[in-house]
Amino acid sequence: YIAVVTEQEYQKMQTHHFLNRIYEGNVRSLVSTLLQQDVL
């Protein structure tokens, strides 16, 4: 079995999907949430 999609490509696709689905593509909102929730 041979991967057609690399792990990095998958991570990139999933990041875009998550950002668009949850934050409507707004990166600033994502970063704001990370900072406000003391995730980092």
Full PDB file with SEQRES, HELIX, SHEET, SSBOND, CRYST1, ORIGX, SCALE, CONECT and MASTER records, all heavy atoms in Angstrom:
SEQRES   1 A   40  TYR ILE ALA VAL VAL THR GLU GLN GLU TYR GLN LYS MET          
SEQRES   2 A   40  GLN THR HIS HIS PHE LEU ASN ARG ILE TYR GLU GLY ASN          
SEQRES   3 A   40  VAL ARG SER LEU VAL SER THR LEU LEU GLN GLN ASP VAL          
SEQRES   4 A   40  LEU                                                          
HELIX    1 AA1 GLU A    7  TYR A   23  1                                  17    
HELIX    2 AA2 VAL A   27  GLN A   36  1                                  10    
CRYST1    1.000    1.000    1.000  90.00  90.00  90.00 P 1           1          
ORIGX1      1.000000  0.000000  0.000000        0.00000                         
ORIGX2      0.000000  1.000000  0.000000        0.00000                         
ORIGX3      0.000000  0.000000  1.000000        0.00000                         
SCALE1      1.000000  0.000000  0.000000        0.00000                         
SCALE2      0.000000  1.000000  0.000000        0.00000                         
SCALE3      0.000000  0.000000  1.000000        0.00000                         
ATOM      1  N   TYR A   1       0.852  -1.186   0.000  1.00  0.00           N  
ATOM      2  CA  TYR A   1       0.000   0.000   0.000  1.00  0.00           C  
ATOM      3  C   TYR A   1       0.887   1.234   0.000  1.00  0.00           C  
ATOM      4  O   TYR A   1       1.806   1.350   0.808  1.00  0.00           O  
ATOM      5  CB  TYR A   1      -0.945  -0.021   1.199  1.00  0.00           C  
ATOM      6  CG  TYR A   1      -1.946  -1.140   1.051  1.00  0.00           C  
ATOM      7  CD1 TYR A   1      -1.693  -2.410   1.565  1.00  0.00           C  
ATOM      8  CD2 TYR A   1      -3.119  -0.938   0.340  1.00  0.00           C  
ATOM      9  CE1 TYR A   1      -2.588  -3.448   1.388  1.00  0.00           C  
ATOM     10  CE2 TYR A   1      -4.031  -1.971   0.157  1.00  0.00           C  
ATOM     11  CZ  TYR A   1      -3.752  -3.220   0.686  1.00  0.00           C  
ATOM     12  OH  TYR A   1      -4.646  -4.238   0.488  1.00  0.00           O  
ATOM     13  N   ILE A   2       0.596   2.135  -0.932  1.00  0.00           N  
ATOM     14  CA  ILE A   2       1.426   3.317  -1.142  1.00  0.00           C  
ATOM     15  C   ILE A   2       0.574   4.572  -0.963  1.00  0.00           C  
ATOM     16  O   ILE A   2      -0.481   4.715  -1.592  1.00  0.00           O  
ATOM     17  CB  ILE A   2       2.043   3.300  -2.555  1.00  0.00           C  
ATOM     18  CG1 ILE A   2       2.854   2.003  -2.742  1.00  0.00           C  
ATOM     19  CG2 ILE A   2       2.895   4.532  -2.808  1.00  0.00           C  
ATOM     20  CD1 ILE A   2       3.135   1.649  -4.171  1.00  0.00           C  
ATOM     21  N   ALA A   3       1.049   5.463  -0.110  1.00  0.00           N  
ATOM     22  CA  ALA A   3       0.330   6.720   0.134  1.00  0.00           C  
ATOM     23  C   ALA A   3       0.415   7.612  -1.105  1.00  0.00           C  
ATOM     24  O   ALA A   3       1.497   7.827  -1.647  1.00  0.00           O  
ATOM     25  CB  ALA A   3       0.915   7.435   1.343  1.00  0.00           C  
ATOM     26  N   VAL A   4      -0.720   8.106  -1.542  1.00  0.00           N  
ATOM     27  CA  VAL A   4      -0.780   9.059  -2.644  1.00  0.00           C  
ATOM     28  C   VAL A   4      -0.680  10.477  -2.086  1.00  0.00           C  
ATOM     29  O   VAL A   4      -0.198  11.384  -2.743  1.00  0.00           O  
ATOM     30  CB  VAL A   4      -2.091   8.870  -3.446  1.00  0.00           C  
ATOM     31  CG1 VAL A   4      -2.246   9.917  -4.525  1.00  0.00           C  
ATOM     32  CG2 VAL A   4      -2.145   7.465  -4.048  1.00  0.00           C  
ATOM     33  N   VAL A   5      -1.103  10.631  -0.842  1.00  0.00           N  
ATOM     34  CA  VAL A   5      -1.096  11.918  -0.144  1.00  0.00           C  
ATOM     35  C   VAL A   5      -0.078  11.822   0.985  1.00  0.00           C  
ATOM     36  O   VAL A   5      -0.107  10.876   1.769  1.00  0.00           O  
ATOM     37  CB  VAL A   5      -2.496  12.228   0.429  1.00  0.00           C  
ATOM     38  CG1 VAL A   5      -2.495  13.500   1.244  1.00  0.00           C  
ATOM     39  CG2 VAL A   5      -3.530  12.293  -0.678  1.00  0.00           C  
ATOM     40  N   THR A   6       0.835  12.787   1.062  1.00  0.00           N  
ATOM     41  CA  THR A   6       1.798  12.798   2.161  1.00  0.00           C  
ATOM     42  C   THR A   6       1.118  13.269   3.448  1.00  0.00           C  
ATOM     43  O   THR A   6       0.043  13.878   3.410  1.00  0.00           O  
ATOM     44  CB  THR A   6       2.995  13.717   1.872  1.00  0.00           C  
ATOM     45  OG1 THR A   6       2.537  15.079   1.861  1.00  0.00           O  
ATOM     46  CG2 THR A   6       3.681  13.374   0.558  1.00  0.00           C  
ATOM     47  N   GLU A   7       1.766  13.007   4.551  1.00  0.00           N  
ATOM     48  CA  GLU A   7       1.224  13.457   5.832  1.00  0.00           C  
ATOM     49  C   GLU A   7       1.122  14.984   5.869  1.00  0.00           C  
ATOM     50  O   GLU A   7       0.142  15.534   6.372  1.00  0.00           O  
ATOM     51  CB  GLU A   7       2.101  12.949   6.973  1.00  0.00           C  
ATOM     52  CG  GLU A   7       1.519  13.195   8.335  1.00  0.00           C  
ATOM     53  CD  GLU A   7       2.274  12.497   9.446  1.00  0.00           C  
ATOM     54  OE1 GLU A   7       3.439  12.085   9.236  1.00  0.00           O  
ATOM     55  OE2 GLU A   7       1.701  12.361  10.531  1.00  0.00           O  
ATOM     56  N   GLN A   8       2.122  15.668   5.307  1.00  0.00           N  
ATOM     57  CA  GLN A   8       2.099  17.132   5.288  1.00  0.00           C  
ATOM     58  C   GLN A   8       0.953  17.659   4.419  1.00  0.00           C  
ATOM     59  O   GLN A   8       0.287  18.628   4.791  1.00  0.00           O  
ATOM     60  CB  GLN A   8       3.441  17.677   4.779  1.00  0.00           C  
ATOM     61  CG  GLN A   8       4.610  17.414   5.710  1.00  0.00           C  
ATOM     62  CD  GLN A   8       5.116  15.963   5.657  1.00  0.00           C  
ATOM     63  OE1 GLN A   8       4.895  15.239   4.684  1.00  0.00           O  
ATOM     64  NE2 GLN A   8       5.778  15.531   6.709  1.00  0.00           N  
ATOM     65  N   GLU A   9       0.704  17.010   3.281  1.00  0.00           N  
ATOM     66  CA  GLU A   9      -0.418  17.423   2.430  1.00  0.00           C  
ATOM     67  C   GLU A   9      -1.743  17.219   3.160  1.00  0.00           C  
ATOM     68  O   GLU A   9      -2.627  18.072   3.111  1.00  0.00           O  
ATOM     69  CB  GLU A   9      -0.427  16.617   1.120  1.00  0.00           C  
ATOM     70  CG  GLU A   9       0.688  16.973   0.166  1.00  0.00           C  
ATOM     71  CD  GLU A   9       0.788  16.014  -1.003  1.00  0.00           C  
ATOM     72  OE1 GLU A   9       0.430  14.815  -0.866  1.00  0.00           O  
ATOM     73  OE2 GLU A   9       1.234  16.470  -2.073  1.00  0.00           O  
ATOM     74  N   TYR A  10      -1.859  16.097   3.854  1.00  0.00           N  
ATOM     75  CA  TYR A  10      -3.077  15.814   4.605  1.00  0.00           C  
ATOM     76  C   TYR A  10      -3.294  16.848   5.706  1.00  0.00           C  
ATOM     77  O   TYR A  10      -4.391  17.371   5.879  1.00  0.00           O  
ATOM     78  CB  TYR A  10      -3.025  14.400   5.203  1.00  0.00           C  
ATOM     79  CG  TYR A  10      -4.250  14.074   6.002  1.00  0.00           C  
ATOM     80  CD1 TYR A  10      -5.454  13.776   5.365  1.00  0.00           C  
ATOM     81  CD2 TYR A  10      -4.226  14.087   7.391  1.00  0.00           C  
ATOM     82  CE1 TYR A  10      -6.598  13.506   6.102  1.00  0.00           C  
ATOM     83  CE2 TYR A  10      -5.353  13.813   8.129  1.00  0.00           C  
ATOM     84  CZ  TYR A  10      -6.543  13.519   7.482  1.00  0.00           C  
ATOM     85  OH  TYR A  10      -7.678  13.258   8.222  1.00  0.00           O  
ATOM     86  N   GLN A  11      -2.215  17.147   6.443  1.00  0.00           N  
ATOM     87  CA  GLN A  11      -2.324  18.146   7.510  1.00  0.00           C  
ATOM     88  C   GLN A  11      -2.748  19.494   6.951  1.00  0.00           C  
ATOM     89  O   GLN A  11      -3.590  20.196   7.542  1.00  0.00           O  
ATOM     90  CB  GLN A  11      -0.997  18.267   8.255  1.00  0.00           C  
ATOM     91  CG  GLN A  11      -0.670  17.065   9.100  1.00  0.00           C  
ATOM     92  CD  GLN A  11       0.740  17.082   9.642  1.00  0.00           C  
ATOM     93  OE1 GLN A  11       1.600  17.826   9.186  1.00  0.00           O  
ATOM     94  NE2 GLN A  11       0.996  16.239  10.633  1.00  0.00           N  
ATOM     95  N   LYS A  12      -2.188  19.866   5.819  1.00  0.00           N  
ATOM     96  CA  LYS A  12      -2.542  21.138   5.191  1.00  0.00           C  
ATOM     97  C   LYS A  12      -4.018  21.158   4.788  1.00  0.00           C  
ATOM     98  O   LYS A  12      -4.732  22.128   5.065  1.00  0.00           O  
ATOM     99  CB  LYS A  12      -1.649  21.376   3.969  1.00  0.00           C  
ATOM    100  CG  LYS A  12      -1.892  22.699   3.289  1.00  0.00           C  
ATOM    101  CD  LYS A  12      -0.934  22.890   2.124  1.00  0.00           C  
ATOM    102  CE  LYS A  12      -1.218  24.193   1.404  1.00  0.00           C  
ATOM    103  NZ  LYS A  12      -0.312  24.401   0.280  1.00  0.00           N  
ATOM    104  N   MET A  13      -4.477  20.072   4.165  1.00  0.00           N  
ATOM    105  CA  MET A  13      -5.887  19.994   3.753  1.00  0.00           C  
ATOM    106  C   MET A  13      -6.810  20.066   4.962  1.00  0.00           C  
ATOM    107  O   MET A  13      -7.823  20.764   4.933  1.00  0.00           O  
ATOM    108  CB  MET A  13      -6.145  18.691   2.984  1.00  0.00           C  
ATOM    109  CG  MET A  13      -5.565  18.676   1.597  1.00  0.00           C  
ATOM    110  SD  MET A  13      -5.994  17.183   0.672  1.00  0.00           S  
ATOM    111  CE  MET A  13      -5.092  15.915   1.554  1.00  0.00           C  
ATOM    112  N   GLN A  14      -6.456  19.337   6.025  1.00  0.00           N  
ATOM    113  CA  GLN A  14      -7.301  19.313   7.213  1.00  0.00           C  
ATOM    114  C   GLN A  14      -7.313  20.663   7.931  1.00  0.00           C  
ATOM    115  O   GLN A  14      -8.333  21.071   8.470  1.00  0.00           O  
ATOM    116  CB  GLN A  14      -6.858  18.194   8.157  1.00  0.00           C  
ATOM    117  CG  GLN A  14      -7.193  16.819   7.632  1.00  0.00           C  
ATOM    118  CD  GLN A  14      -8.664  16.670   7.322  1.00  0.00           C  
ATOM    119  OE1 GLN A  14      -9.528  16.856   8.178  1.00  0.00           O  
ATOM    120  NE2 GLN A  14      -8.977  16.348   6.076  1.00  0.00           N  
ATOM    121  N   THR A  15      -6.169  21.327   7.928  1.00  0.00           N  
ATOM    122  CA  THR A  15      -6.101  22.655   8.547  1.00  0.00           C  
ATOM    123  C   THR A  15      -7.019  23.630   7.818  1.00  0.00           C  
ATOM    124  O   THR A  15      -7.788  24.365   8.451  1.00  0.00           O  
ATOM    125  CB  THR A  15      -4.648  23.171   8.555  1.00  0.00           C  
ATOM    126  OG1 THR A  15      -3.851  22.251   9.303  1.00  0.00           O  
ATOM    127  CG2 THR A  15      -4.558  24.553   9.170  1.00  0.00           C  
ATOM    128  N   HIS A  16      -6.954  23.615   6.490  1.00  0.00           N  
ATOM    129  CA  HIS A  16      -7.827  24.495   5.697  1.00  0.00           C  
ATOM    130  C   HIS A  16      -9.296  24.142   5.927  1.00  0.00           C  
ATOM    131  O   HIS A  16     -10.135  25.027   6.094  1.00  0.00           O  
ATOM    132  CB  HIS A  16      -7.492  24.402   4.205  1.00  0.00           C  
ATOM    133  CG  HIS A  16      -6.266  25.153   3.824  1.00  0.00           C  
ATOM    134  ND1 HIS A  16      -6.249  26.520   3.656  1.00  0.00           N  
ATOM    135  CD2 HIS A  16      -5.002  24.729   3.602  1.00  0.00           C  
ATOM    136  CE1 HIS A  16      -5.035  26.901   3.335  1.00  0.00           C  
ATOM    137  NE2 HIS A  16      -4.252  25.837   3.296  1.00  0.00           N  
ATOM    138  N   HIS A  17      -9.590  22.844   5.959  1.00  0.00           N  
ATOM    139  CA  HIS A  17     -10.972  22.404   6.170  1.00  0.00           C  
ATOM    140  C   HIS A  17     -11.478  22.882   7.536  1.00  0.00           C  
ATOM    141  O   HIS A  17     -12.576  23.433   7.641  1.00  0.00           O  
ATOM    142  CB  HIS A  17     -11.048  20.872   6.069  1.00  0.00           C  
ATOM    143  CG  HIS A  17     -12.396  20.320   6.355  1.00  0.00           C  
ATOM    144  ND1 HIS A  17     -13.439  20.408   5.455  1.00  0.00           N  
ATOM    145  CD2 HIS A  17     -12.885  19.676   7.440  1.00  0.00           C  
ATOM    146  CE1 HIS A  17     -14.512  19.845   5.976  1.00  0.00           C  
ATOM    147  NE2 HIS A  17     -14.193  19.398   7.186  1.00  0.00           N  
ATOM    148  N   PHE A  18     -10.663  22.671   8.575  1.00  0.00           N  
ATOM    149  CA  PHE A  18     -11.036  23.083   9.925  1.00  0.00           C  
ATOM    150  C   PHE A  18     -11.226  24.601  10.002  1.00  0.00           C  
ATOM    151  O   PHE A  18     -12.228  25.093  10.527  1.00  0.00           O  
ATOM    152  CB  PHE A  18      -9.956  22.638  10.919  1.00  0.00           C  
ATOM    153  CG  PHE A  18     -10.172  23.137  12.315  1.00  0.00           C  
ATOM    154  CD1 PHE A  18     -11.096  22.534  13.149  1.00  0.00           C  
ATOM    155  CD2 PHE A  18      -9.455  24.227  12.803  1.00  0.00           C  
ATOM    156  CE1 PHE A  18     -11.308  22.994  14.434  1.00  0.00           C  
ATOM    157  CE2 PHE A  18      -9.657  24.696  14.088  1.00  0.00           C  
ATOM    158  CZ  PHE A  18     -10.584  24.082  14.914  1.00  0.00           C  
ATOM    159  N   LEU A  19     -10.260  25.332   9.459  1.00  0.00           N  
ATOM    160  CA  LEU A  19     -10.323  26.792   9.497  1.00  0.00           C  
ATOM    161  C   LEU A  19     -11.577  27.311   8.797  1.00  0.00           C  
ATOM    162  O   LEU A  19     -12.274  28.178   9.318  1.00  0.00           O  
ATOM    163  CB  LEU A  19      -9.065  27.384   8.854  1.00  0.00           C  
ATOM    164  CG  LEU A  19      -8.932  28.896   8.882  1.00  0.00           C  
ATOM    165  CD1 LEU A  19      -8.866  29.418  10.312  1.00  0.00           C  
ATOM    166  CD2 LEU A  19      -7.688  29.325   8.123  1.00  0.00           C  
ATOM    167  N   ASN A  20     -11.885  26.744   7.645  1.00  0.00           N  
ATOM    168  CA  ASN A  20     -13.066  27.188   6.897  1.00  0.00           C  
ATOM    169  C   ASN A  20     -14.363  26.773   7.578  1.00  0.00           C  
ATOM    170  O   ASN A  20     -15.316  27.561   7.636  1.00  0.00           O  
ATOM    171  CB  ASN A  20     -13.025  26.658   5.464  1.00  0.00           C  
ATOM    172  CG  ASN A  20     -11.957  27.349   4.648  1.00  0.00           C  
ATOM    173  OD1 ASN A  20     -11.627  28.507   4.872  1.00  0.00           O  
ATOM    174  ND2 ASN A  20     -11.377  26.624   3.709  1.00  0.00           N  
ATOM    175  N   ARG A  21     -14.401  25.555   8.112  1.00  0.00           N  
ATOM    176  CA  ARG A  21     -15.635  25.034   8.713  1.00  0.00           C  
ATOM    177  C   ARG A  21     -15.944  25.705  10.050  1.00  0.00           C  
ATOM    178  O   ARG A  21     -17.074  26.093  10.319  1.00  0.00           O  
ATOM    179  CB  ARG A  21     -15.509  23.521   8.896  1.00  0.00           C  
ATOM    180  CG  ARG A  21     -16.771  22.835   9.349  1.00  0.00           C  
ATOM    181  CD  ARG A  21     -16.654  21.319   9.265  1.00  0.00           C  
ATOM    182  NE  ARG A  21     -15.495  20.811   9.961  1.00  0.00           N  
ATOM    183  CZ  ARG A  21     -15.505  20.359  11.218  1.00  0.00           C  
ATOM    184  NH1 ARG A  21     -16.611  20.346  11.904  1.00  0.00           N  
ATOM    185  NH2 ARG A  21     -14.389  19.906  11.761  1.00  0.00           N  
ATOM    186  N   ILE A  22     -14.931  25.868  10.879  1.00  0.00           N  
ATOM    187  CA  ILE A  22     -15.162  26.385  12.234  1.00  0.00           C  
ATOM    188  C   ILE A  22     -15.048  27.905  12.311  1.00  0.00           C  
ATOM    189  O   ILE A  22     -15.829  28.565  12.985  1.00  0.00           O  
ATOM    190  CB  ILE A  22     -14.179  25.735  13.241  1.00  0.00           C  
ATOM    191  CG1 ILE A  22     -14.290  24.211  13.202  1.00  0.00           C  
ATOM    192  CG2 ILE A  22     -14.390  26.271  14.651  1.00  0.00           C  
ATOM    193  CD1 ILE A  22     -15.647  23.657  13.576  1.00  0.00           C  
ATOM    194  N   TYR A  23     -14.075  28.467  11.602  1.00  0.00           N  
ATOM    195  CA  TYR A  23     -13.792  29.902  11.718  1.00  0.00           C  
ATOM    196  C   TYR A  23     -14.091  30.680  10.452  1.00  0.00           C  
ATOM    197  O   TYR A  23     -13.676  31.829  10.323  1.00  0.00           O  
ATOM    198  CB  TYR A  23     -12.330  30.113  12.133  1.00  0.00           C  
ATOM    199  CG  TYR A  23     -12.064  29.646  13.538  1.00  0.00           C  
ATOM    200  CD1 TYR A  23     -11.529  28.386  13.775  1.00  0.00           C  
ATOM    201  CD2 TYR A  23     -12.375  30.444  14.622  1.00  0.00           C  
ATOM    202  CE1 TYR A  23     -11.304  27.942  15.075  1.00  0.00           C  
ATOM    203  CE2 TYR A  23     -12.158  30.015  15.918  1.00  0.00           C  
ATOM    204  CZ  TYR A  23     -11.617  28.755  16.134  1.00  0.00           C  
ATOM    205  OH  TYR A  23     -11.398  28.331  17.409  1.00  0.00           O  
ATOM    206  N   GLU A  24     -14.786  30.052   9.504  1.00  0.00           N  
ATOM    207  CA  GLU A  24     -15.141  30.690   8.236  1.00  0.00           C  
ATOM    208  C   GLU A  24     -13.921  31.318   7.564  1.00  0.00           C  
ATOM    209  O   GLU A  24     -13.996  32.392   6.978  1.00  0.00           O  
ATOM    210  CB  GLU A  24     -16.260  31.708   8.442  1.00  0.00           C  
ATOM    211  CG  GLU A  24     -17.549  31.057   8.937  1.00  0.00           C  
ATOM    212  CD  GLU A  24     -18.667  32.046   9.210  1.00  0.00           C  
ATOM    213  OE1 GLU A  24     -18.447  33.276   9.127  1.00  0.00           O  
ATOM    214  OE2 GLU A  24     -19.773  31.570   9.509  1.00  0.00           O  
ATOM    215  N   GLY A  25     -12.771  30.649   7.702  1.00  0.00           N  
ATOM    216  CA  GLY A  25     -11.548  31.088   7.052  1.00  0.00           C  
ATOM    217  C   GLY A  25     -10.810  32.206   7.771  1.00  0.00           C  
ATOM    218  O   GLY A  25      -9.794  32.688   7.285  1.00  0.00           O  
ATOM    219  N   ASN A  26     -11.281  32.622   8.938  1.00  0.00           N  
ATOM    220  CA  ASN A  26     -10.700  33.749   9.658  1.00  0.00           C  
ATOM    221  C   ASN A  26      -9.588  33.263  10.605  1.00  0.00           C  
ATOM    222  O   ASN A  26      -9.852  32.788  11.708  1.00  0.00           O  
ATOM    223  CB  ASN A  26     -11.797  34.477  10.441  1.00  0.00           C  
ATOM    224  CG  ASN A  26     -11.314  35.767  11.041  1.00  0.00           C  
ATOM    225  OD1 ASN A  26     -10.167  35.875  11.471  1.00  0.00           O  
ATOM    226  ND2 ASN A  26     -12.190  36.748  11.103  1.00  0.00           N  
ATOM    227  N   VAL A  27      -8.348  33.399  10.166  1.00  0.00           N  
ATOM    228  CA  VAL A  27      -7.194  32.956  10.951  1.00  0.00           C  
ATOM    229  C   VAL A  27      -7.097  33.734  12.255  1.00  0.00           C  
ATOM    230  O   VAL A  27      -6.760  33.178  13.303  1.00  0.00           O  
ATOM    231  CB  VAL A  27      -5.893  33.103  10.127  1.00  0.00           C  
ATOM    232  CG1 VAL A  27      -4.682  32.746  10.963  1.00  0.00           C  
ATOM    233  CG2 VAL A  27      -5.954  32.244   8.881  1.00  0.00           C  
ATOM    234  N   ARG A  28      -7.396  35.009  12.206  1.00  0.00           N  
ATOM    235  CA  ARG A  28      -7.311  35.842  13.409  1.00  0.00           C  
ATOM    236  C   ARG A  28      -8.216  35.304  14.521  1.00  0.00           C  
ATOM    237  O   ARG A  28      -7.828  35.270  15.691  1.00  0.00           O  
ATOM    238  CB  ARG A  28      -7.689  37.287  13.075  1.00  0.00           C  
ATOM    239  CG  ARG A  28      -7.583  38.201  14.286  1.00  0.00           C  
ATOM    240  CD  ARG A  28      -7.846  39.613  13.923  1.00  0.00           C  
ATOM    241  NE  ARG A  28      -6.704  40.067  13.119  1.00  0.00           N  
ATOM    242  CZ  ARG A  28      -6.582  41.272  12.636  1.00  0.00           C  
ATOM    243  NH1 ARG A  28      -7.527  42.162  12.838  1.00  0.00           N  
ATOM    244  NH2 ARG A  28      -5.535  41.618  11.934  1.00  0.00           N  
ATOM    245  N   SER A  29      -9.405  34.827  14.156  1.00  0.00           N  
ATOM    246  CA  SER A  29     -10.309  34.254  15.156  1.00  0.00           C  
ATOM    247  C   SER A  29      -9.737  32.979  15.765  1.00  0.00           C  
ATOM    248  O   SER A  29      -9.863  32.750  16.967  1.00  0.00           O  
ATOM    249  CB  SER A  29     -11.678  33.949  14.533  1.00  0.00           C  
ATOM    250  OG  SER A  29     -12.331  35.127  14.185  1.00  0.00           O  
ATOM    251  N   LEU A  30      -9.109  32.167  14.946  1.00  0.00           N  
ATOM    252  CA  LEU A  30      -8.481  30.947  15.445  1.00  0.00           C  
ATOM    253  C   LEU A  30      -7.380  31.286  16.438  1.00  0.00           C  
ATOM    254  O   LEU A  30      -7.340  30.753  17.552  1.00  0.00           O  
ATOM    255  CB  LEU A  30      -7.909  30.119  14.293  1.00  0.00           C  
ATOM    256  CG  LEU A  30      -7.005  28.952  14.684  1.00  0.00           C  
ATOM    257  CD1 LEU A  30      -7.744  27.929  15.526  1.00  0.00           C  
ATOM    258  CD2 LEU A  30      -6.410  28.307  13.446  1.00  0.00           C  
ATOM    259  N   VAL A  31      -6.490  32.179  16.060  1.00  0.00           N  
ATOM    260  CA  VAL A  31      -5.377  32.558  16.936  1.00  0.00           C  
ATOM    261  C   VAL A  31      -5.910  33.202  18.205  1.00  0.00           C  
ATOM    262  O   VAL A  31      -5.432  32.911  19.311  1.00  0.00           O  
ATOM    263  CB  VAL A  31      -4.390  33.492  16.194  1.00  0.00           C  
ATOM    264  CG1 VAL A  31      -3.338  34.041  17.151  1.00  0.00           C  
ATOM    265  CG2 VAL A  31      -3.746  32.755  15.030  1.00  0.00           C  
ATOM    266  N   SER A  32      -6.924  34.032  18.079  1.00  0.00           N  
ATOM    267  CA  SER A  32      -7.527  34.673  19.239  1.00  0.00           C  
ATOM    268  C   SER A  32      -8.069  33.616  20.216  1.00  0.00           C  
ATOM    269  O   SER A  32      -7.862  33.714  21.423  1.00  0.00           O  
ATOM    270  CB  SER A  32      -8.652  35.597  18.783  1.00  0.00           C  
ATOM    271  OG  SER A  32      -9.325  36.136  19.882  1.00  0.00           O  
ATOM    272  N   THR A  33      -8.724  32.602  19.684  1.00  0.00           N  
ATOM    273  CA  THR A  33      -9.247  31.529  20.527  1.00  0.00           C  
ATOM    274  C   THR A  33      -8.113  30.799  21.234  1.00  0.00           C  
ATOM    275  O   THR A  33      -8.194  30.510  22.432  1.00  0.00           O  
ATOM    276  CB  THR A  33     -10.064  30.528  19.681  1.00  0.00           C  
ATOM    277  OG1 THR A  33     -11.163  31.220  19.098  1.00  0.00           O  
ATOM    278  CG2 THR A  33     -10.571  29.373  20.524  1.00  0.00           C  
ATOM    279  N   LEU A  34      -7.043  30.504  20.503  1.00  0.00           N  
ATOM    280  CA  LEU A  34      -5.904  29.816  21.109  1.00  0.00           C  
ATOM    281  C   LEU A  34      -5.322  30.634  22.257  1.00  0.00           C  
ATOM    282  O   LEU A  34      -4.964  30.096  23.306  1.00  0.00           O  
ATOM    283  CB  LEU A  34      -4.827  29.539  20.057  1.00  0.00           C  
ATOM    284  CG  LEU A  34      -5.181  28.534  18.966  1.00  0.00           C  
ATOM    285  CD1 LEU A  34      -4.093  28.511  17.896  1.00  0.00           C  
ATOM    286  CD2 LEU A  34      -5.406  27.158  19.555  1.00  0.00           C  
ATOM    287  N   LEU A  35      -5.222  31.930  22.063  1.00  0.00           N  
ATOM    288  CA  LEU A  35      -4.655  32.792  23.097  1.00  0.00           C  
ATOM    289  C   LEU A  35      -5.612  32.966  24.284  1.00  0.00           C  
ATOM    290  O   LEU A  35      -5.187  32.904  25.435  1.00  0.00           O  
ATOM    291  CB  LEU A  35      -4.293  34.154  22.503  1.00  0.00           C  
ATOM    292  CG  LEU A  35      -3.163  34.143  21.473  1.00  0.00           C  
ATOM    293  CD1 LEU A  35      -3.027  35.515  20.826  1.00  0.00           C  
ATOM    294  CD2 LEU A  35      -1.860  33.719  22.111  1.00  0.00           C  
ATOM    295  N   GLN A  36      -6.877  33.184  24.001  1.00  0.00           N  
ATOM    296  CA  GLN A  36      -7.850  33.416  25.069  1.00  0.00           C  
ATOM    297  C   GLN A  36      -8.073  32.187  25.938  1.00  0.00           C  
ATOM    298  O   GLN A  36      -8.352  32.310  27.124  1.00  0.00           O  
ATOM    299  CB  GLN A  36      -9.188  33.871  24.485  1.00  0.00           C  
ATOM    300  CG  GLN A  36      -9.143  35.259  23.900  1.00  0.00           C  
ATOM    301  CD  GLN A  36     -10.429  35.609  23.163  1.00  0.00           C  
ATOM    302  OE1 GLN A  36     -11.365  34.838  23.135  1.00  0.00           O  
ATOM    303  NE2 GLN A  36     -10.450  36.794  22.559  1.00  0.00           N  
ATOM    304  N   GLN A  37      -7.956  31.019  25.345  1.00  0.00           N  
ATOM    305  CA  GLN A  37      -8.207  29.788  26.094  1.00  0.00           C  
ATOM    306  C   GLN A  37      -6.948  29.228  26.746  1.00  0.00           C  
ATOM    307  O   GLN A  37      -6.966  28.127  27.274  1.00  0.00           O  
ATOM    308  CB  GLN A  37      -8.814  28.729  25.154  1.00  0.00           C  
ATOM    309  CG  GLN A  37     -10.133  29.128  24.552  1.00  0.00           C  
ATOM    310  CD  GLN A  37     -11.200  29.363  25.613  1.00  0.00           C  
ATOM    311  OE1 GLN A  37     -11.341  28.579  26.541  1.00  0.00           O  
ATOM    312  NE2 GLN A  37     -11.931  30.453  25.486  1.00  0.00           N  
ATOM    313  N   ASP A  38      -5.851  29.970  26.676  1.00  0.00           N  
ATOM    314  CA  ASP A  38      -4.579  29.521  27.236  1.00  0.00           C  
ATOM    315  C   ASP A  38      -4.180  28.139  26.705  1.00  0.00           C  
ATOM    316  O   ASP A  38      -3.653  27.307  27.434  1.00  0.00           O  
ATOM    317  CB  ASP A  38      -4.620  29.495  28.770  1.00  0.00           C  
ATOM    318  CG  ASP A  38      -4.650  30.895  29.365  1.00  0.00           C  
ATOM    319  OD1 ASP A  38      -4.081  31.813  28.739  1.00  0.00           O  
ATOM    320  OD2 ASP A  38      -5.247  31.063  30.441  1.00  0.00           O  
ATOM    321  N   VAL A  39      -4.442  27.911  25.415  1.00  0.00           N  
ATOM    322  CA  VAL A  39      -4.072  26.653  24.775  1.00  0.00           C  
ATOM    323  C   VAL A  39      -2.566  26.610  24.555  1.00  0.00           C  
ATOM    324  O   VAL A  39      -1.940  25.560  24.667  1.00  0.00           O  
ATOM    325  CB  VAL A  39      -4.836  26.477  23.437  1.00  0.00           C  
ATOM    326  CG1 VAL A  39      -4.358  25.255  22.681  1.00  0.00           C  
ATOM    327  CG2 VAL A  39      -6.332  26.397  23.696  1.00  0.00           C  
ATOM    328  N   LEU A  40      -1.980  27.764  24.271  1.00  0.00           N  
ATOM    329  CA  LEU A  40      -0.548  27.843  24.010  1.00  0.00           C  
ATOM    330  C   LEU A  40       0.200  28.162  25.300  1.00  0.00           C  
ATOM    331  O   LEU A  40      -0.163  29.074  26.034  1.00  0.00           O  
ATOM    332  CB  LEU A  40      -0.249  28.951  22.990  1.00  0.00           C  
ATOM    333  CG  LEU A  40      -0.826  28.779  21.594  1.00  0.00           C  
ATOM    334  CD1 LEU A  40      -0.576  30.028  20.763  1.00  0.00           C  
ATOM    335  CD2 LEU A  40      -0.229  27.566  20.916  1.00  0.00           C  
TER     336      LEU A  40                                                      
MASTER        0    0    0    2    0    0    0    6  335    1    0    4          
END                                                                             
